[in-house]
């Protein structure tokens, strides 16, 4: 895992909070998606927002950050002229999520939910995951045959 300086983590933390602010979600929802709900109170998000605190550099947090940024980028690509459509997409029931909203999937399923939502909105990421799974299966089959 790449290690970031305090300044880099501060910029990354602020960018992630900004993305989530654009989604118009509550502080408690932000903390749940970030996996910080037991450690941080929503009123303390201002310290992260203004650079006073940074997210921990754990593998789990870095994976969450990667998914959040990936989702935000894909939503910006899908709806380049409308931030309202990005928010609507997150709050509209989706057939691939059994009529649940992407936001509910992220909140209910945590890390797995972040990945599922990202796969749905970011076709390039979904393709890369599918390709990696396929290659892994081929390698396993080749190994079993040998």
N, C-alpha and C. Protein backbone atom coordinates (compact mmCIF):
# COMPACT_ATOMS: atom_id res chain seq x y z
N UNK A 1 0.85 -1.19 0.00
CA UNK A 1 0.00 0.00 0.00
C UNK A 1 0.89 1.25 0.00
N UNK A 2 0.55 2.18 -0.84
CA UNK A 2 1.29 3.43 -0.93
C UNK A 2 1.04 4.26 0.32
N UNK A 3 2.11 4.85 0.85
CA UNK A 3 1.99 5.73 2.01
C UNK A 3 1.95 7.18 1.53
N UNK A 4 1.01 7.93 2.06
CA UNK A 4 0.86 9.33 1.70
C UNK A 4 1.36 10.21 2.83
N UNK A 5 1.87 11.38 2.47
CA UNK A 5 2.28 12.35 3.48
C UNK A 5 1.04 12.92 4.15
N UNK A 6 1.23 13.62 5.25
CA UNK A 6 0.11 14.24 5.96
C UNK A 6 -0.60 15.24 5.05
N UNK A 7 0.17 16.00 4.28
CA UNK A 7 -0.43 16.98 3.37
C UNK A 7 -1.25 16.29 2.29
N UNK A 8 -0.72 15.20 1.74
CA UNK A 8 -1.46 14.46 0.72
C UNK A 8 -2.74 13.85 1.28
N UNK A 9 -2.63 13.30 2.49
CA UNK A 9 -3.83 12.71 3.12
C UNK A 9 -4.85 13.78 3.45
N UNK A 10 -4.38 14.96 3.82
CA UNK A 10 -5.30 16.07 4.10
C UNK A 10 -6.07 16.45 2.84
N UNK A 11 -5.35 16.57 1.73
CA UNK A 11 -6.00 16.91 0.45
C UNK A 11 -6.96 15.81 0.02
N UNK A 12 -6.56 14.56 0.19
CA UNK A 12 -7.41 13.42 -0.16
C UNK A 12 -8.65 13.38 0.72
N UNK A 13 -8.47 13.59 2.01
CA UNK A 13 -9.60 13.60 2.94
C UNK A 13 -10.60 14.69 2.56
N UNK A 14 -10.09 15.89 2.30
CA UNK A 14 -10.98 16.99 1.93
C UNK A 14 -11.70 16.72 0.62
N UNK A 15 -11.01 16.11 -0.34
CA UNK A 15 -11.65 15.80 -1.63
C UNK A 15 -12.76 14.77 -1.46
N UNK A 16 -12.53 13.76 -0.64
CA UNK A 16 -13.55 12.73 -0.41
C UNK A 16 -14.76 13.34 0.28
N UNK A 17 -14.53 14.17 1.28
CA UNK A 17 -15.65 14.83 1.98
C UNK A 17 -16.41 15.72 0.99
N UNK A 18 -15.70 16.42 0.12
CA UNK A 18 -16.36 17.26 -0.89
C UNK A 18 -17.24 16.43 -1.82
N UNK A 19 -16.71 15.29 -2.26
CA UNK A 19 -17.52 14.39 -3.11
C UNK A 19 -18.80 13.99 -2.39
N UNK A 20 -18.66 13.62 -1.14
CA UNK A 20 -19.82 13.15 -0.39
C UNK A 20 -20.77 14.31 -0.06
N UNK A 21 -20.23 15.50 0.13
CA UNK A 21 -21.09 16.68 0.30
C UNK A 21 -21.93 16.91 -0.95
N UNK A 22 -21.32 16.71 -2.13
CA UNK A 22 -22.04 16.88 -3.39
C UNK A 22 -23.19 15.88 -3.52
N UNK A 23 -23.07 14.74 -2.83
CA UNK A 23 -24.13 13.72 -2.88
C UNK A 23 -25.30 14.09 -1.96
N UNK A 24 -25.17 15.15 -1.21
CA UNK A 24 -26.23 15.61 -0.29
C UNK A 24 -26.63 14.53 0.71
N UNK A 25 -25.62 13.89 1.31
CA UNK A 25 -25.92 12.88 2.32
C UNK A 25 -25.58 13.44 3.70
N UNK A 26 -26.16 12.85 4.71
CA UNK A 26 -25.98 13.33 6.08
C UNK A 26 -24.59 12.95 6.60
N UNK A 27 -24.21 13.58 7.69
CA UNK A 27 -22.94 13.27 8.33
C UNK A 27 -22.90 11.83 8.81
N UNK A 28 -24.01 11.35 9.36
CA UNK A 28 -24.06 9.95 9.81
C UNK A 28 -23.91 8.98 8.64
N UNK A 29 -24.51 9.32 7.50
CA UNK A 29 -24.36 8.48 6.31
C UNK A 29 -22.91 8.49 5.82
N UNK A 30 -22.28 9.66 5.85
CA UNK A 30 -20.87 9.75 5.46
C UNK A 30 -20.01 8.84 6.34
N UNK A 31 -20.22 8.95 7.63
CA UNK A 31 -19.42 8.16 8.56
C UNK A 31 -19.64 6.66 8.36
N UNK A 32 -20.89 6.26 8.09
CA UNK A 32 -21.18 4.85 7.85
C UNK A 32 -20.47 4.36 6.59
N UNK A 33 -20.54 5.13 5.51
CA UNK A 33 -19.89 4.74 4.26
C UNK A 33 -18.38 4.67 4.44
N UNK A 34 -17.83 5.58 5.23
CA UNK A 34 -16.39 5.60 5.48
C UNK A 34 -15.95 4.56 6.51
N UNK A 35 -16.91 3.94 7.20
CA UNK A 35 -16.56 2.96 8.23
C UNK A 35 -16.06 3.60 9.51
N UNK A 36 -16.43 4.85 9.74
CA UNK A 36 -15.96 5.59 10.91
C UNK A 36 -17.06 5.84 11.94
N UNK A 37 -18.25 5.27 11.73
CA UNK A 37 -19.38 5.63 12.58
C UNK A 37 -19.17 5.34 14.06
N UNK A 38 -18.34 4.39 14.42
CA UNK A 38 -18.10 4.11 15.83
C UNK A 38 -17.00 4.96 16.44
N UNK A 39 -16.19 5.58 15.59
CA UNK A 39 -15.01 6.31 16.05
C UNK A 39 -15.15 7.82 16.01
N UNK A 40 -16.01 8.32 15.14
CA UNK A 40 -16.12 9.76 14.91
C UNK A 40 -17.58 10.16 14.96
N UNK A 41 -17.85 11.31 15.56
CA UNK A 41 -19.22 11.84 15.57
C UNK A 41 -19.39 12.77 14.37
N UNK A 42 -20.61 12.84 13.89
CA UNK A 42 -20.85 13.63 12.68
C UNK A 42 -20.49 15.10 12.87
N UNK A 43 -20.60 15.60 14.09
CA UNK A 43 -20.26 17.01 14.31
C UNK A 43 -18.76 17.27 14.14
N UNK A 44 -17.95 16.20 14.16
CA UNK A 44 -16.51 16.35 13.99
C UNK A 44 -16.08 16.31 12.53
N UNK A 45 -17.03 16.08 11.62
CA UNK A 45 -16.68 16.06 10.20
C UNK A 45 -16.11 17.39 9.72
N UNK A 46 -16.46 18.48 10.39
CA UNK A 46 -15.92 19.79 10.00
C UNK A 46 -14.40 19.80 10.09
N UNK A 47 -13.84 19.07 11.07
CA UNK A 47 -12.38 19.02 11.20
C UNK A 47 -11.75 18.31 10.00
N UNK A 48 -12.42 17.29 9.47
CA UNK A 48 -11.93 16.60 8.27
C UNK A 48 -12.13 17.48 7.04
N UNK A 49 -13.26 18.17 7.02
CA UNK A 49 -13.62 19.02 5.89
C UNK A 49 -12.62 20.17 5.72
N UNK A 50 -12.15 20.75 6.83
CA UNK A 50 -11.25 21.90 6.74
C UNK A 50 -9.77 21.53 6.85
N UNK A 51 -9.46 20.24 6.90
CA UNK A 51 -8.06 19.81 6.91
C UNK A 51 -7.45 19.67 8.28
N UNK A 52 -8.24 19.85 9.34
CA UNK A 52 -7.72 19.71 10.69
C UNK A 52 -7.43 18.27 11.09
N UNK A 53 -8.13 17.33 10.47
CA UNK A 53 -7.90 15.89 10.71
C UNK A 53 -7.88 15.19 9.37
N UNK A 54 -7.23 14.04 9.34
CA UNK A 54 -7.17 13.24 8.11
C UNK A 54 -7.69 11.83 8.39
N UNK A 55 -8.14 11.17 7.33
CA UNK A 55 -8.58 9.79 7.47
C UNK A 55 -7.37 8.91 7.79
N UNK A 56 -7.59 7.82 8.52
CA UNK A 56 -6.49 6.89 8.79
C UNK A 56 -6.05 6.20 7.50
N UNK A 57 -4.76 5.90 7.41
CA UNK A 57 -4.23 5.24 6.20
C UNK A 57 -4.22 3.73 6.37
N UNK A 58 -5.39 3.17 6.58
CA UNK A 58 -5.50 1.72 6.67
C UNK A 58 -5.87 1.17 5.29
N UNK A 59 -5.58 -0.09 5.03
CA UNK A 59 -5.97 -0.66 3.73
C UNK A 59 -7.48 -0.56 3.49
N UNK A 60 -8.27 -0.77 4.53
CA UNK A 60 -9.73 -0.70 4.39
C UNK A 60 -10.17 0.72 4.02
N UNK A 61 -9.62 1.71 4.69
CA UNK A 61 -9.99 3.09 4.40
C UNK A 61 -9.54 3.49 3.00
N UNK A 62 -8.36 3.07 2.60
CA UNK A 62 -7.87 3.42 1.28
C UNK A 62 -8.74 2.77 0.19
N UNK A 63 -9.22 1.55 0.44
CA UNK A 63 -10.15 0.91 -0.50
C UNK A 63 -11.45 1.70 -0.59
N UNK A 64 -11.97 2.12 0.56
CA UNK A 64 -13.21 2.91 0.57
C UNK A 64 -13.03 4.22 -0.19
N UNK A 65 -11.91 4.89 0.06
CA UNK A 65 -11.62 6.14 -0.63
C UNK A 65 -11.56 5.91 -2.13
N UNK A 66 -10.89 4.84 -2.54
CA UNK A 66 -10.79 4.51 -3.97
C UNK A 66 -12.18 4.33 -4.58
N UNK A 67 -13.05 3.62 -3.89
CA UNK A 67 -14.40 3.40 -4.42
C UNK A 67 -15.21 4.69 -4.44
N UNK A 68 -15.13 5.49 -3.40
CA UNK A 68 -15.88 6.75 -3.34
C UNK A 68 -15.45 7.68 -4.48
N UNK A 69 -14.14 7.82 -4.66
CA UNK A 69 -13.63 8.67 -5.74
C UNK A 69 -14.03 8.09 -7.10
N UNK A 70 -13.96 6.77 -7.24
CA UNK A 70 -14.36 6.13 -8.49
C UNK A 70 -15.83 6.35 -8.80
N UNK A 71 -16.68 6.23 -7.78
CA UNK A 71 -18.12 6.47 -7.96
C UNK A 71 -18.36 7.93 -8.35
N UNK A 72 -17.72 8.84 -7.63
CA UNK A 72 -17.90 10.27 -7.91
C UNK A 72 -17.45 10.61 -9.33
N UNK A 73 -16.30 10.07 -9.75
CA UNK A 73 -15.81 10.33 -11.11
C UNK A 73 -16.75 9.76 -12.16
N UNK A 74 -17.24 8.54 -11.93
CA UNK A 74 -18.14 7.92 -12.89
C UNK A 74 -19.46 8.68 -12.98
N UNK A 75 -19.96 9.16 -11.85
CA UNK A 75 -21.20 9.94 -11.87
C UNK A 75 -20.99 11.26 -12.62
N UNK A 76 -19.82 11.87 -12.45
CA UNK A 76 -19.52 13.11 -13.17
C UNK A 76 -19.42 12.85 -14.68
N UNK A 77 -18.90 11.69 -15.05
CA UNK A 77 -18.81 11.33 -16.47
C UNK A 77 -20.19 11.02 -17.04
N UNK A 78 -21.01 10.32 -16.26
CA UNK A 78 -22.35 9.94 -16.71
C UNK A 78 -23.28 11.15 -16.80
N UNK A 79 -23.17 12.04 -15.83
CA UNK A 79 -24.03 13.23 -15.78
C UNK A 79 -23.15 14.49 -15.72
N UNK A 80 -22.47 14.83 -16.81
CA UNK A 80 -21.49 15.92 -16.75
C UNK A 80 -22.08 17.31 -16.53
N UNK A 81 -23.35 17.49 -16.84
CA UNK A 81 -23.92 18.83 -16.75
C UNK A 81 -24.92 18.99 -15.62
N UNK A 82 -25.10 17.96 -14.80
CA UNK A 82 -26.15 18.04 -13.79
C UNK A 82 -25.75 17.35 -12.49
N UNK A 83 -25.39 18.15 -11.51
CA UNK A 83 -25.11 17.59 -10.18
C UNK A 83 -26.38 17.03 -9.56
N UNK A 84 -27.52 17.60 -9.94
CA UNK A 84 -28.80 17.10 -9.41
C UNK A 84 -29.07 15.68 -9.89
N UNK A 85 -28.69 15.36 -11.12
CA UNK A 85 -28.88 13.99 -11.63
C UNK A 85 -27.98 13.01 -10.90
N UNK A 86 -26.80 13.44 -10.51
CA UNK A 86 -25.90 12.56 -9.75
C UNK A 86 -26.54 12.19 -8.42
N UNK A 87 -27.10 13.18 -7.75
CA UNK A 87 -27.77 12.94 -6.47
C UNK A 87 -29.00 12.06 -6.69
N UNK A 88 -29.76 12.35 -7.73
CA UNK A 88 -30.95 11.57 -8.03
C UNK A 88 -30.60 10.11 -8.30
N UNK A 89 -29.52 9.87 -9.05
CA UNK A 89 -29.12 8.49 -9.34
C UNK A 89 -28.84 7.73 -8.05
N UNK A 90 -28.20 8.37 -7.10
CA UNK A 90 -27.89 7.71 -5.83
C UNK A 90 -29.14 7.42 -5.00
N UNK A 91 -30.20 8.17 -5.22
CA UNK A 91 -31.41 8.04 -4.40
C UNK A 91 -32.58 7.36 -5.10
N UNK A 92 -32.38 6.98 -6.34
CA UNK A 92 -33.46 6.35 -7.11
C UNK A 92 -33.34 4.83 -7.02
N UNK A 93 -34.44 4.12 -6.70
CA UNK A 93 -34.38 2.65 -6.66
C UNK A 93 -33.88 2.09 -8.00
N UNK A 94 -33.07 1.07 -7.91
CA UNK A 94 -32.41 0.52 -9.09
C UNK A 94 -32.73 -0.97 -9.21
N UNK A 95 -33.05 -1.41 -10.41
CA UNK A 95 -33.44 -2.81 -10.60
C UNK A 95 -32.30 -3.78 -10.28
N UNK A 96 -31.07 -3.39 -10.52
CA UNK A 96 -29.95 -4.29 -10.23
C UNK A 96 -29.65 -4.40 -8.74
N UNK A 97 -30.26 -3.55 -7.96
CA UNK A 97 -30.10 -3.60 -6.50
C UNK A 97 -31.40 -4.02 -5.83
N UNK A 98 -32.21 -4.79 -6.51
CA UNK A 98 -33.51 -5.26 -6.00
C UNK A 98 -34.39 -4.09 -5.56
N UNK A 99 -34.43 -3.07 -6.40
CA UNK A 99 -35.25 -1.87 -6.17
C UNK A 99 -34.78 -1.06 -4.95
N UNK A 100 -33.58 -1.28 -4.50
CA UNK A 100 -33.00 -0.42 -3.46
C UNK A 100 -32.22 0.68 -4.14
N UNK A 101 -31.98 1.75 -3.42
CA UNK A 101 -31.19 2.84 -3.97
C UNK A 101 -29.70 2.50 -3.85
N UNK A 102 -28.87 3.04 -4.75
CA UNK A 102 -27.43 2.85 -4.60
C UNK A 102 -26.92 3.33 -3.23
N UNK A 103 -27.48 4.42 -2.73
CA UNK A 103 -27.08 4.90 -1.40
C UNK A 103 -27.39 3.86 -0.34
N UNK A 104 -28.57 3.25 -0.40
CA UNK A 104 -28.94 2.21 0.57
C UNK A 104 -28.00 1.02 0.47
N UNK A 105 -27.60 0.66 -0.73
CA UNK A 105 -26.67 -0.46 -0.92
C UNK A 105 -25.33 -0.14 -0.25
N UNK A 106 -24.85 1.08 -0.45
CA UNK A 106 -23.58 1.48 0.18
C UNK A 106 -23.69 1.46 1.70
N UNK A 107 -24.81 1.93 2.22
CA UNK A 107 -24.99 1.99 3.67
C UNK A 107 -25.20 0.60 4.27
N UNK A 108 -25.99 -0.23 3.61
CA UNK A 108 -26.32 -1.55 4.16
C UNK A 108 -25.19 -2.56 4.00
N UNK A 109 -24.49 -2.49 2.88
CA UNK A 109 -23.50 -3.52 2.57
C UNK A 109 -22.06 -3.05 2.76
N UNK A 110 -21.89 -1.84 3.18
CA UNK A 110 -20.57 -1.27 3.48
C UNK A 110 -19.58 -1.43 2.33
N UNK A 111 -18.46 -2.09 2.57
CA UNK A 111 -17.40 -2.19 1.55
C UNK A 111 -17.89 -2.92 0.30
N UNK A 112 -18.61 -4.01 0.49
CA UNK A 112 -19.16 -4.75 -0.64
C UNK A 112 -20.15 -3.88 -1.42
N UNK A 113 -20.94 -3.10 -0.70
CA UNK A 113 -21.90 -2.20 -1.34
C UNK A 113 -21.22 -1.11 -2.14
N UNK A 114 -20.14 -0.56 -1.60
CA UNK A 114 -19.37 0.45 -2.36
C UNK A 114 -18.88 -0.15 -3.68
N UNK A 115 -18.36 -1.37 -3.61
CA UNK A 115 -17.86 -2.01 -4.82
C UNK A 115 -19.01 -2.29 -5.80
N UNK A 116 -20.14 -2.77 -5.31
CA UNK A 116 -21.28 -3.06 -6.19
C UNK A 116 -21.78 -1.80 -6.89
N UNK A 117 -21.87 -0.71 -6.14
CA UNK A 117 -22.32 0.55 -6.74
C UNK A 117 -21.30 1.04 -7.76
N UNK A 118 -20.04 0.94 -7.43
CA UNK A 118 -19.01 1.38 -8.38
C UNK A 118 -19.03 0.54 -9.65
N UNK A 119 -19.19 -0.77 -9.52
CA UNK A 119 -19.26 -1.63 -10.70
C UNK A 119 -20.44 -1.22 -11.57
N UNK A 120 -21.56 -0.87 -10.94
CA UNK A 120 -22.75 -0.50 -11.70
C UNK A 120 -22.57 0.82 -12.45
N UNK A 121 -21.99 1.80 -11.82
CA UNK A 121 -21.90 3.14 -12.43
C UNK A 121 -20.63 3.33 -13.26
N UNK A 122 -19.59 2.56 -12.98
CA UNK A 122 -18.30 2.71 -13.67
C UNK A 122 -18.03 1.46 -14.50
N UNK A 123 -18.42 1.49 -15.76
CA UNK A 123 -18.31 0.29 -16.59
C UNK A 123 -16.85 -0.15 -16.77
N UNK A 124 -15.92 0.78 -16.80
CA UNK A 124 -14.50 0.42 -16.95
C UNK A 124 -14.02 -0.36 -15.73
N UNK A 125 -14.43 0.05 -14.54
CA UNK A 125 -14.06 -0.68 -13.32
C UNK A 125 -14.72 -2.05 -13.32
N UNK A 126 -16.00 -2.09 -13.69
CA UNK A 126 -16.71 -3.37 -13.74
C UNK A 126 -16.04 -4.33 -14.71
N UNK A 127 -15.60 -3.82 -15.85
CA UNK A 127 -14.91 -4.66 -16.83
C UNK A 127 -13.60 -5.17 -16.25
N UNK A 128 -12.84 -4.31 -15.58
CA UNK A 128 -11.55 -4.72 -15.00
C UNK A 128 -11.75 -5.80 -13.94
N UNK A 129 -12.78 -5.66 -13.11
CA UNK A 129 -13.06 -6.67 -12.09
C UNK A 129 -13.44 -7.99 -12.76
N UNK A 130 -14.31 -7.93 -13.75
CA UNK A 130 -14.75 -9.13 -14.46
C UNK A 130 -13.57 -9.82 -15.13
N UNK A 131 -12.70 -9.05 -15.75
CA UNK A 131 -11.51 -9.59 -16.40
C UNK A 131 -10.58 -10.26 -15.38
N UNK A 132 -10.38 -9.63 -14.24
CA UNK A 132 -9.52 -10.20 -13.20
C UNK A 132 -10.11 -11.51 -12.67
N UNK A 133 -11.42 -11.55 -12.47
CA UNK A 133 -12.07 -12.78 -12.01
C UNK A 133 -11.94 -13.89 -13.05
N UNK A 134 -12.13 -13.53 -14.31
CA UNK A 134 -12.00 -14.51 -15.39
C UNK A 134 -10.58 -15.07 -15.44
N UNK A 135 -9.58 -14.19 -15.39
CA UNK A 135 -8.18 -14.63 -15.43
C UNK A 135 -7.84 -15.50 -14.24
N UNK A 136 -8.37 -15.16 -13.08
CA UNK A 136 -8.14 -15.97 -11.89
C UNK A 136 -8.72 -17.37 -12.05
N UNK A 137 -9.91 -17.44 -12.62
CA UNK A 137 -10.57 -18.73 -12.84
C UNK A 137 -9.79 -19.56 -13.86
N UNK A 138 -9.30 -18.93 -14.92
CA UNK A 138 -8.52 -19.63 -15.94
C UNK A 138 -7.24 -20.19 -15.32
N UNK A 139 -6.57 -19.38 -14.50
CA UNK A 139 -5.34 -19.84 -13.85
C UNK A 139 -5.62 -21.02 -12.93
N UNK A 140 -6.73 -20.95 -12.20
CA UNK A 140 -7.10 -22.04 -11.29
C UNK A 140 -7.39 -23.31 -12.08
N UNK A 141 -8.11 -23.18 -13.18
CA UNK A 141 -8.43 -24.33 -14.02
C UNK A 141 -7.16 -24.94 -14.61
N UNK A 142 -6.25 -24.08 -15.08
CA UNK A 142 -4.98 -24.56 -15.63
C UNK A 142 -4.16 -25.28 -14.56
N UNK A 143 -4.17 -24.74 -13.36
CA UNK A 143 -3.42 -25.33 -12.25
C UNK A 143 -4.01 -26.69 -11.87
N UNK A 144 -5.35 -26.77 -11.84
CA UNK A 144 -6.02 -28.02 -11.49
C UNK A 144 -5.78 -29.09 -12.56
N UNK A 145 -5.67 -28.67 -13.82
CA UNK A 145 -5.47 -29.61 -14.92
C UNK A 145 -4.04 -30.15 -14.94
N UNK A 146 -3.11 -29.38 -14.40
CA UNK A 146 -1.69 -29.79 -14.44
C UNK A 146 -1.34 -30.82 -13.42
